[in-house]
Amino acid sequence: MPYTVRLLTRWQATDTGNQIEAALLHPRSGVAYSDVTRQLDSNIVPAPNALVAEVYPVDDSLLAALDADPNLIVLWSEPDVETPK
């Protein structure tokens, strides 16, 4: 069952701009990492370097990896429930 996860992570500067650290640490095909704060790169302050990211869809193995990673804080995870028709 897929999950939606919100976690606390950092920005990482790369050659292509700032990237969500969790996405760099745990890349998965078909998984989207998005900054729920929608900060512009120009507004990112160096300290504290923190943002809340939403990750979807997350399977059991990725959820376990995110939860075990000491660089991240999983704020919550919620199973996606299909809406009855």
C-alpha atoms as a PDB file:
ATOM      1  CA  MET A   1       0.000   0.000   0.000  1.00  0.00           C
ATOM      2  CA  PRO A   2       1.465   3.385  -0.903  1.00  0.00           C
ATOM      3  CA  TYR A   3       1.927   6.108   1.690  1.00  0.00           C
ATOM      4  CA  THR A   4       2.203   9.874   1.652  1.00  0.00           C
ATOM      5  CA  VAL A   5       5.012  11.065   3.935  1.00  0.00           C
ATOM      6  CA  ARG A   6       5.950  14.474   5.282  1.00  0.00           C
ATOM      7  CA  LEU A   7       9.468  14.819   6.600  1.00  0.00           C
ATOM      8  CA  LEU A   8      11.954  17.402   7.775  1.00  0.00           C
ATOM      9  CA  THR A   9      15.015  17.522   5.550  1.00  0.00           C
ATOM     10  CA  ARG A  10      17.658  19.940   4.271  1.00  0.00           C
ATOM     11  CA  TRP A  11      18.507  21.594   0.987  1.00  0.00           C
ATOM     12  CA  GLN A  12      21.647  20.495  -0.838  1.00  0.00           C
ATOM     13  CA  ALA A  13      23.334  22.799  -3.335  1.00  0.00           C
ATOM     14  CA  THR A  14      24.040  20.998  -6.621  1.00  0.00           C
ATOM     15  CA  ASP A  15      25.214  22.055 -10.073  1.00  0.00           C
ATOM     16  CA  THR A  16      21.562  22.399 -11.090  1.00  0.00           C
ATOM     17  CA  GLY A  17      20.457  24.430  -8.039  1.00  0.00           C
ATOM     18  CA  ASN A  18      19.172  23.547  -4.610  1.00  0.00           C
ATOM     19  CA  GLN A  19      17.762  20.033  -4.259  1.00  0.00           C
ATOM     20  CA  ILE A  20      15.831  18.314  -1.466  1.00  0.00           C
ATOM     21  CA  GLU A  21      18.413  16.242   0.424  1.00  0.00           C
ATOM     22  CA  ALA A  22      15.999  13.351   1.012  1.00  0.00           C
ATOM     23  CA  ALA A  23      15.523  12.999  -2.760  1.00  0.00           C
ATOM     24  CA  LEU A  24      19.293  12.822  -3.241  1.00  0.00           C
ATOM     25  CA  LEU A  25      19.732  10.288  -0.418  1.00  0.00           C
ATOM     26  CA  HIS A  26      16.778   8.088  -1.433  1.00  0.00           C
ATOM     27  CA  PRO A  27      16.144   8.428  -5.183  1.00  0.00           C
ATOM     28  CA  ARG A  28      13.316   6.264  -6.493  1.00  0.00           C
ATOM     29  CA  SER A  29      11.781   6.165  -9.936  1.00  0.00           C
ATOM     30  CA  GLY A  30       8.210   7.451  -9.874  1.00  0.00           C
ATOM     31  CA  VAL A  31       8.503   9.017  -6.406  1.00  0.00           C
ATOM     32  CA  ALA A  32       7.952  12.767  -6.106  1.00  0.00           C
ATOM     33  CA  TYR A  33       9.677  14.890  -3.472  1.00  0.00           C
ATOM     34  CA  SER A  34       8.197  18.386  -3.131  1.00  0.00           C
ATOM     35  CA  ASP A  35       8.856  21.321  -0.828  1.00  0.00           C
ATOM     36  CA  VAL A  36       5.547  22.045   0.909  1.00  0.00           C
ATOM     37  CA  THR A  37       6.853  25.484   1.938  1.00  0.00           C
ATOM     38  CA  ARG A  38       7.414  26.382  -1.752  1.00  0.00           C
ATOM     39  CA  GLN A  39      10.442  28.531  -0.894  1.00  0.00           C
ATOM     40  CA  LEU A  40      12.281  30.293  -3.678  1.00  0.00           C
ATOM     41  CA  ASP A  41      15.997  29.475  -3.798  1.00  0.00           C
ATOM     42  CA  SER A  42      16.724  33.139  -3.107  1.00  0.00           C
ATOM     43  CA  ASN A  43      14.760  32.934   0.175  1.00  0.00           C
ATOM     44  CA  ILE A  44      16.593  29.921   1.572  1.00  0.00           C
ATOM     45  CA  VAL A  45      18.584  30.870   4.645  1.00  0.00           C
ATOM     46  CA  PRO A  46      21.723  28.904   5.510  1.00  0.00           C
ATOM     47  CA  ALA A  47      20.844  28.406   9.186  1.00  0.00           C
ATOM     48  CA  PRO A  48      18.705  26.609   9.925  1.00  0.00           C
ATOM     49  CA  ASN A  49      18.776  24.737   6.661  1.00  0.00           C
ATOM     50  CA  ALA A  50      15.476  22.904   7.011  1.00  0.00           C
ATOM     51  CA  LEU A  51      12.250  22.423   5.120  1.00  0.00           C
ATOM     52  CA  VAL A  52       9.231  20.152   5.162  1.00  0.00           C
ATOM     53  CA  ALA A  53       8.981  17.917   2.121  1.00  0.00           C
ATOM     54  CA  GLU A  54       6.139  15.710   0.972  1.00  0.00           C
ATOM     55  CA  VAL A  55       7.061  12.380  -0.575  1.00  0.00           C
ATOM     56  CA  TYR A  56       4.617  10.319  -2.671  1.00  0.00           C
ATOM     57  CA  PRO A  57       4.046   7.466  -3.424  1.00  0.00           C
ATOM     58  CA  VAL A  58       6.117   5.738  -0.749  1.00  0.00           C
ATOM     59  CA  ASP A  59       6.220   1.948  -0.475  1.00  0.00           C
ATOM     60  CA  ASP A  60       7.049  -0.013   2.684  1.00  0.00           C
ATOM     61  CA  SER A  61      10.770  -0.310   1.916  1.00  0.00           C
ATOM     62  CA  LEU A  62      11.205   3.411   1.205  1.00  0.00           C
ATOM     63  CA  LEU A  63       9.206   4.324   4.321  1.00  0.00           C
ATOM     64  CA  ALA A  64      11.514   2.118   6.415  1.00  0.00           C
ATOM     65  CA  ALA A  65      14.598   3.713   4.803  1.00  0.00           C
ATOM     66  CA  LEU A  66      13.339   7.267   5.387  1.00  0.00           C
ATOM     67  CA  ASP A  67      12.406   6.461   8.970  1.00  0.00           C
ATOM     68  CA  ALA A  68      15.826   4.909   9.687  1.00  0.00           C
ATOM     69  CA  ASP A  69      17.836   7.754   8.105  1.00  0.00           C
ATOM     70  CA  PRO A  70      19.426   9.918  10.854  1.00  0.00           C
ATOM     71  CA  ASN A  71      19.596  12.864   8.399  1.00  0.00           C
ATOM     72  CA  LEU A  72      15.788  13.079   8.194  1.00  0.00           C
ATOM     73  CA  ILE A  73      12.862  13.359  10.586  1.00  0.00           C
ATOM     74  CA  VAL A  74       9.645  11.699   9.442  1.00  0.00           C
ATOM     75  CA  LEU A  75       6.861  13.928  10.764  1.00  0.00           C
ATOM     76  CA  TRP A  76       4.026  11.663   9.671  1.00  0.00           C
ATOM     77  CA  SER A  77       3.101   8.977   7.212  1.00  0.00           C
ATOM     78  CA  GLU A  78      -0.377   8.147   6.056  1.00  0.00           C
ATOM     79  CA  PRO A  79      -1.549   5.219   3.946  1.00  0.00           C
ATOM     80  CA  ASP A  80      -3.341   6.280   0.788  1.00  0.00           C
ATOM     81  CA  VAL A  81      -6.866   4.948   0.918  1.00  0.00           C
ATOM     82  CA  GLU A  82      -8.753   4.640  -2.305  1.00  0.00           C
ATOM     83  CA  THR A  83     -12.024   6.566  -2.292  1.00  0.00           C
ATOM     84  CA  PRO A  84     -14.989   4.208  -2.687  1.00  0.00           C
ATOM     85  CA  LYS A  85     -16.989   4.681  -5.891  1.00  0.00           C
END
